[in-house]
Amino acid sequence: MVGIHPVHRRLAELTIKAKAIGGYQLLTQNEKLELDHCLAVNLDLILKLDSLKSLAFIAYDTGDTSWHQDICARIEALETKMI
């Protein structure tokens, strides 16, 4: 199942509106602030997931099953929030 985080849904909504009105520069000031906030939240999500996935690979590669399971649980918890 592919989850859609509320931030990603809002980014899509703002993009649809921007395209309809002729560009992001025509969004209201509040919408521009919201867009900036959504982009920051998205960046944080991506950095966390990428970091955890890199650690999971290292744990797997070193044969540390306990550490690997812990990291995978943290990844799953973060991805669950994306549904």
Protein backbone atom coordinates (compact mmCIF):
# COMPACT_ATOMS: atom_id res chain seq x y z
CA MET A 1 0.00 0.00 0.00
CA VAL A 2 1.32 3.42 -0.92
CA GLY A 3 0.52 6.05 1.65
CA ILE A 4 -0.09 9.69 1.01
CA HIS A 5 1.02 11.90 3.89
CA PRO A 6 -1.29 14.88 4.50
CA VAL A 7 1.62 17.16 3.64
CA HIS A 8 1.98 15.54 0.22
CA ARG A 9 -1.75 15.87 -0.41
CA ARG A 10 -1.60 19.59 0.49
CA LEU A 11 1.43 20.07 -1.76
CA ALA A 12 -0.60 18.55 -4.59
CA GLU A 13 -3.56 20.83 -3.85
CA LEU A 14 -1.37 23.93 -3.83
CA THR A 15 0.29 22.83 -7.09
CA ILE A 16 -3.09 22.30 -8.76
CA LYS A 17 -4.20 25.76 -7.66
CA ALA A 18 -0.93 27.36 -8.76
CA LYS A 19 -1.22 25.78 -12.20
CA ALA A 20 -4.83 26.94 -12.50
CA ILE A 21 -4.03 30.56 -11.64
CA GLY A 22 -0.81 30.88 -13.61
CA GLY A 23 2.01 30.04 -11.21
CA TYR A 24 3.17 29.77 -7.64
CA GLN A 25 3.88 33.50 -7.49
CA LEU A 26 0.11 34.13 -7.70
CA LEU A 27 -0.72 32.10 -4.59
CA THR A 28 -1.78 34.13 -1.56
CA GLN A 29 0.83 34.96 1.05
CA ASN A 30 -0.73 32.40 3.42
CA GLU A 31 -0.61 29.72 0.71
CA LYS A 32 3.04 30.52 0.03
CA LEU A 33 3.80 30.17 3.75
CA GLU A 34 1.89 26.90 3.81
CA LEU A 35 3.81 25.68 0.78
CA ASP A 36 7.09 26.53 2.48
CA HIS A 37 5.97 24.69 5.63
CA CYS A 38 4.89 21.62 3.63
CA LEU A 39 8.23 21.54 1.82
CA ALA A 40 10.10 21.72 5.14
CA VAL A 41 8.02 18.86 6.61
CA ASN A 42 8.57 16.82 3.45
CA LEU A 43 12.33 17.41 3.67
CA ASP A 44 12.35 16.26 7.30
CA LEU A 45 10.42 13.08 6.40
CA ILE A 46 12.77 12.25 3.54
CA LEU A 47 15.92 12.88 5.59
CA LYS A 48 14.64 10.69 8.45
CA LEU A 49 13.59 7.84 6.14
CA ASP A 50 16.81 7.94 4.12
CA SER A 51 18.90 7.96 7.29
CA LEU A 52 17.01 5.04 8.81
CA LYS A 53 17.18 3.04 5.58
CA SER A 54 20.93 3.59 5.36
CA LEU A 55 21.32 2.44 8.96
CA ALA A 56 19.11 -0.59 8.26
CA PHE A 57 21.40 -1.56 5.40
CA ILE A 58 24.47 -1.25 7.62
CA ALA A 59 22.80 -3.30 10.37
CA TYR A 60 21.81 -5.97 7.85
CA ASP A 61 25.24 -5.98 6.24
CA THR A 62 26.97 -6.41 9.60
CA GLY A 63 24.57 -9.18 10.64
CA ASP A 64 23.22 -7.29 13.66
CA THR A 65 19.70 -8.73 13.59
CA SER A 66 18.50 -6.98 16.73
CA TRP A 67 19.65 -3.56 15.54
CA HIS A 68 18.20 -4.21 12.08
CA GLN A 69 14.81 -5.15 13.52
CA ASP A 70 14.81 -2.04 15.72
CA ILE A 71 15.56 0.21 12.76
CA CYS A 72 12.96 -1.53 10.58
CA ALA A 73 10.37 -0.98 13.31
CA ARG A 74 11.25 2.73 13.37
CA ILE A 75 10.93 2.89 9.57
CA GLU A 76 7.56 1.14 9.71
CA ALA A 77 6.32 3.54 12.42
CA LEU A 78 7.34 6.54 10.32
CA GLU A 79 5.81 5.11 7.14
CA THR A 80 2.57 4.29 8.99
CA LYS A 81 2.15 8.00 9.63
CA MET A 82 2.18 8.51 5.86
CA ILE A 83 -1.10 6.69 5.31
